[in-house]
Amino acid sequence: MRTVDGRVAGRRGQATRQKLLDCLSEMLSSSPYRDVKVIDVARKAGTSPATFYQYFPDVEGAVLEIAEHMASDGAGLAELLEGRSWVGKAGWQTAQELVDGFLDFWKRNDAILRVVDLGAAEGDKRFYKLRMKILNSVNSSLADAVAELQAKGRIDKDVSPAAVAGSLVTMLAAVASHQKGFTSWGVKQAELKPNLALLVHLGVTGKKPTK
C-alpha cells in the first residue's frame, strides 16, 4: 500500500489510512457527499488534512477507494446463483435467496452506493464502471439461467436471456435503492421481499413458483 507520492506505507500508516476511510464511510451515512470536506474527515479521524493528503488526492479519491472495495464484495452476489436450480420448489428458494442477498447488500452499503449512483448518473465513467461491476455479476448469472432453461425447452425460444436478465437486475437495483421509500406507500419489508422474489421467479422461468 503506497502513499500519494509513491512511498510504501508502514503498519502505522496503513492503520491511519484505514481509519480515514472508516471515518469517511461513517460521515457519508449522515451527510450529503458534496458537503463532506477533507478537514472534517481528518478531524473525525484525529489527524490533520496534511495526513489525509498523504494517502488520498481528495475526498473523491477516498470515496472511490471505498467504492472499489464495496464493488469487489458486490461481485460475490453471483455466488447466490452458482449451481442453483430454477425448477420446482428449488427455483422458488433460489429467487428468495437472491432477493434477500441483493437487498441486504444494498442496505449494508447504502451510503456509498448512493454516491456511486450519483457519480454514474452524472456521467463519471469511474463510478459507472463500479456500478456495472456489481450488477454484471448477477446479470450474467441470470442470463445463463434463462439460456439454460431455454435450451431445455422450458422457455420460449423467442425470449432474449440478456434482455430478461438486464431488466430483472435493473428492477432489483431500483427496488433496493428505494427500500425506505416503500414504507410511505404502506409496503412492509416483510411484504416486499416475497413479492419481489415472485417477480424474479416469473421473469426467469415464466411460471408461478412451486411453494
Protein backbone atom coordinates (compact mmCIF):
# COMPACT_ATOMS: atom_id res chain seq x y z
CA MET A 1 0.00 0.00 0.00
CA ARG A 2 1.53 3.30 -1.11
CA THR A 3 1.07 6.97 -0.32
CA VAL A 4 0.13 9.54 -2.96
CA ASP A 5 3.80 10.28 -3.65
CA GLY A 6 4.62 6.58 -4.14
CA ARG A 7 6.16 5.74 -0.77
CA VAL A 8 5.27 2.41 0.82
CA ALA A 9 3.06 2.96 3.86
CA GLY A 10 4.15 1.24 7.07
CA ARG A 11 1.86 -0.53 9.50
CA ARG A 12 1.01 2.68 11.34
CA GLY A 13 0.42 4.48 8.06
CA GLN A 14 -1.89 1.73 6.85
CA ALA A 15 -3.84 1.94 10.10
CA THR A 16 -4.19 5.72 9.72
CA ARG A 17 -5.27 5.34 6.12
CA GLN A 18 -7.93 2.80 7.06
CA LYS A 19 -9.17 5.00 9.90
CA LEU A 20 -9.63 7.87 7.44
CA LEU A 21 -11.65 5.59 5.16
CA ASP A 22 -13.76 4.34 8.07
CA CYS A 23 -14.49 7.88 9.24
CA LEU A 24 -15.38 8.96 5.70
CA SER A 25 -17.76 6.00 5.35
CA GLU A 26 -19.45 6.95 8.60
CA MET A 27 -19.80 10.57 7.50
CA LEU A 28 -21.32 9.60 4.17
CA SER A 29 -24.11 7.79 6.01
CA SER A 30 -25.27 11.02 7.64
CA SER A 31 -24.08 13.85 5.37
CA PRO A 32 -24.52 14.64 1.65
CA TYR A 33 -21.45 13.61 -0.35
CA ARG A 34 -20.81 17.15 -1.61
CA ASP A 35 -20.79 18.50 1.96
CA VAL A 36 -18.00 16.23 3.22
CA LYS A 37 -14.69 18.10 3.40
CA VAL A 38 -11.12 16.87 3.92
CA ILE A 39 -10.71 18.88 7.11
CA ASP A 40 -13.85 17.30 8.59
CA VAL A 41 -12.72 13.75 7.77
CA ALA A 42 -9.26 14.44 9.19
CA ARG A 43 -10.68 15.96 12.36
CA LYS A 44 -13.00 13.00 12.90
CA ALA A 45 -10.06 10.61 12.44
CA GLY A 46 -7.98 12.61 14.93
CA THR A 47 -5.38 13.68 12.40
CA SER A 48 -4.64 16.56 10.03
CA PRO A 49 -5.60 17.45 6.46
CA ALA A 50 -1.92 17.11 5.55
CA THR A 51 -2.02 13.49 6.68
CA PHE A 52 -5.18 12.89 4.65
CA TYR A 53 -3.44 14.20 1.52
CA GLN A 54 -0.58 11.77 2.08
CA TYR A 55 -2.95 8.92 1.25
CA PHE A 56 -5.65 10.42 -0.97
CA PRO A 57 -5.67 13.24 -3.56
CA ASP A 58 -9.10 14.45 -2.36
CA VAL A 59 -12.38 13.26 -0.86
CA GLU A 60 -13.48 11.83 -4.21
CA GLY A 61 -10.33 9.73 -4.41
CA ALA A 62 -11.03 8.28 -0.97
CA VAL A 63 -14.66 7.64 -1.89
CA LEU A 64 -13.54 5.73 -4.98
CA GLU A 65 -11.28 3.61 -2.78
CA ILE A 66 -14.23 2.67 -0.56
CA ALA A 67 -16.39 2.04 -3.61
CA GLU A 68 -13.76 -0.26 -5.15
CA HIS A 69 -13.78 -2.50 -2.08
CA MET A 70 -17.57 -2.45 -1.97
CA ALA A 71 -17.79 -3.38 -5.66
CA SER A 72 -15.42 -6.31 -5.14
CA ASP A 73 -17.71 -7.58 -2.37
CA GLY A 74 -20.72 -7.00 -4.61
CA ALA A 75 -19.25 -9.25 -7.27
CA GLY A 76 -19.79 -12.05 -4.76
CA LEU A 77 -23.55 -11.73 -5.26
CA ALA A 78 -23.11 -14.11 -8.19
CA GLU A 79 -22.49 -16.87 -5.61
CA LEU A 80 -26.19 -16.67 -4.75
CA LEU A 81 -26.90 -18.16 -8.18
CA GLU A 82 -23.98 -20.52 -8.76
CA GLY A 83 -25.16 -24.08 -9.28
CA ARG A 84 -28.70 -23.21 -8.25
CA SER A 85 -31.85 -24.71 -9.77
CA TRP A 86 -34.82 -22.71 -11.05
CA VAL A 87 -37.10 -25.76 -11.25
CA GLY A 88 -39.85 -26.61 -8.74
CA LYS A 89 -39.52 -25.65 -5.08
CA ALA A 90 -35.77 -25.18 -5.52
CA GLY A 91 -36.46 -22.42 -8.03
CA TRP A 92 -38.61 -20.52 -5.54
CA GLN A 93 -35.88 -20.83 -2.92
CA THR A 94 -33.29 -19.54 -5.41
CA ALA A 95 -35.43 -16.48 -6.19
CA GLN A 96 -35.97 -15.74 -2.49
CA GLU A 97 -32.31 -16.05 -1.56
CA LEU A 98 -31.26 -13.85 -4.48
CA VAL A 99 -33.67 -11.12 -3.38
CA ASP A 100 -32.62 -11.44 0.27
CA GLY A 101 -28.94 -11.23 -0.59
CA PHE A 102 -29.35 -8.38 -3.06
CA LEU A 103 -31.47 -6.20 -0.75
CA ASP A 104 -29.24 -6.91 2.24
CA PHE A 105 -26.11 -5.97 0.28
CA TRP A 106 -27.71 -2.68 -0.81
CA LYS A 107 -28.85 -1.92 2.74
CA ARG A 108 -25.37 -2.54 4.19
CA ASN A 109 -23.73 -0.32 1.60
CA ASP A 110 -26.49 2.25 1.18
CA ALA A 111 -24.34 5.33 1.81
CA ILE A 112 -21.56 4.55 -0.66
CA LEU A 113 -23.99 3.16 -3.24
CA ARG A 114 -25.86 6.48 -3.23
CA VAL A 115 -22.59 8.20 -4.10
CA VAL A 116 -21.81 5.64 -6.81
CA ASP A 117 -25.28 6.08 -8.31
CA LEU A 118 -24.89 9.87 -8.24
CA GLY A 119 -21.50 9.75 -9.94
CA ALA A 120 -22.74 7.28 -12.57
CA ALA A 121 -25.82 9.42 -13.26
CA GLU A 122 -23.58 12.45 -13.77
CA GLY A 123 -21.57 10.58 -16.38
CA ASP A 124 -18.46 9.80 -14.33
CA LYS A 125 -17.10 6.67 -16.01
CA ARG A 126 -15.24 5.56 -12.87
CA PHE A 127 -18.43 5.35 -10.84
CA TYR A 128 -20.33 3.87 -13.79
CA LYS A 129 -17.80 1.04 -14.12
CA LEU A 130 -18.04 0.29 -10.40
CA ARG A 131 -21.83 0.16 -10.55
CA MET A 132 -21.72 -2.17 -13.54
CA LYS A 133 -19.15 -4.38 -11.81
CA ILE A 134 -21.71 -5.04 -9.08
CA LEU A 135 -24.66 -5.56 -11.41
CA ASN A 136 -22.80 -7.58 -14.05
CA SER A 137 -22.11 -10.46 -11.68
CA VAL A 138 -25.82 -11.02 -11.12
CA ASN A 139 -26.79 -10.13 -14.68
CA SER A 140 -24.50 -12.74 -16.23
CA SER A 141 -25.69 -15.47 -13.86
CA LEU A 142 -29.36 -14.70 -14.52
CA ALA A 143 -28.81 -14.63 -18.30
CA ASP A 144 -27.11 -18.03 -18.08
CA ALA A 145 -30.03 -19.40 -16.06
CA VAL A 146 -32.58 -18.20 -18.62
CA ALA A 147 -30.48 -19.54 -21.51
CA GLU A 148 -30.18 -22.94 -19.80
CA LEU A 149 -33.95 -23.19 -19.27
CA GLN A 150 -34.44 -22.10 -22.88
CA ALA A 151 -32.08 -24.81 -24.14
CA LYS A 152 -34.13 -27.39 -22.24
CA GLY A 153 -37.33 -26.16 -23.88
CA ARG A 154 -38.74 -24.72 -20.67
CA ILE A 155 -38.79 -21.15 -22.03
CA ASP A 156 -39.96 -19.86 -25.40
CA LYS A 157 -37.14 -19.66 -27.95
CA ASP A 158 -38.01 -16.05 -28.80
CA VAL A 159 -37.10 -14.86 -25.27
CA SER A 160 -33.82 -12.94 -25.04
CA PRO A 161 -31.86 -14.13 -21.97
CA ALA A 162 -29.78 -10.93 -21.94
CA ALA A 163 -32.84 -8.68 -22.12
CA VAL A 164 -34.68 -10.59 -19.38
CA ALA A 165 -31.63 -10.64 -17.10
CA GLY A 166 -30.89 -6.96 -17.66
CA SER A 167 -34.49 -6.00 -16.92
CA LEU A 168 -34.57 -8.06 -13.72
CA VAL A 169 -31.26 -6.71 -12.43
CA THR A 170 -32.35 -3.13 -13.16
CA MET A 171 -35.55 -3.80 -11.22
CA LEU A 172 -33.65 -5.28 -8.29
CA ALA A 173 -31.28 -2.31 -8.14
CA ALA A 174 -34.12 0.21 -8.33
CA VAL A 175 -36.10 -1.51 -5.59
CA ALA A 176 -33.01 -1.97 -3.42
CA SER A 177 -32.14 1.73 -3.59
CA HIS A 178 -35.72 2.69 -2.76
CA GLN A 179 -36.30 0.34 0.19
CA LYS A 180 -37.02 3.12 2.67
CA GLY A 181 -39.48 4.75 0.29
CA PHE A 182 -41.75 1.71 0.20
CA THR A 183 -42.90 2.39 3.76
CA SER A 184 -44.50 5.65 2.60
CA TRP A 185 -46.61 3.53 0.23
CA GLY A 186 -47.70 1.29 3.06
CA VAL A 187 -45.46 -1.58 1.98
CA LYS A 188 -43.78 -3.51 4.79
CA GLN A 189 -40.35 -5.08 4.35
CA ALA A 190 -41.89 -8.47 5.12
CA GLU A 191 -44.21 -7.99 2.13
CA LEU A 192 -41.62 -6.54 -0.21
CA LYS A 193 -39.19 -9.46 -0.36
CA PRO A 194 -41.60 -12.30 -1.26
CA ASN A 195 -43.38 -10.19 -3.86
CA LEU A 196 -40.09 -9.14 -5.44
CA ALA A 197 -38.96 -12.77 -5.41
CA LEU A 198 -42.21 -13.66 -7.20
CA LEU A 199 -41.42 -11.18 -9.98
CA VAL A 200 -37.87 -12.53 -10.31
CA HIS A 201 -39.12 -16.12 -10.49
CA LEU A 202 -41.72 -15.21 -13.10
CA GLY A 203 -39.13 -13.30 -15.09
CA VAL A 204 -36.64 -16.16 -15.16
CA THR A 205 -38.98 -19.14 -15.56
CA GLY A 206 -42.16 -17.60 -16.98
CA LYS A 207 -44.12 -19.59 -14.37
CA LYS A 208 -45.56 -19.13 -10.91
CA PRO A 209 -43.31 -20.65 -8.24
CA THR A 210 -43.95 -24.01 -6.62
CA LYS A 211 -44.04 -23.32 -2.88
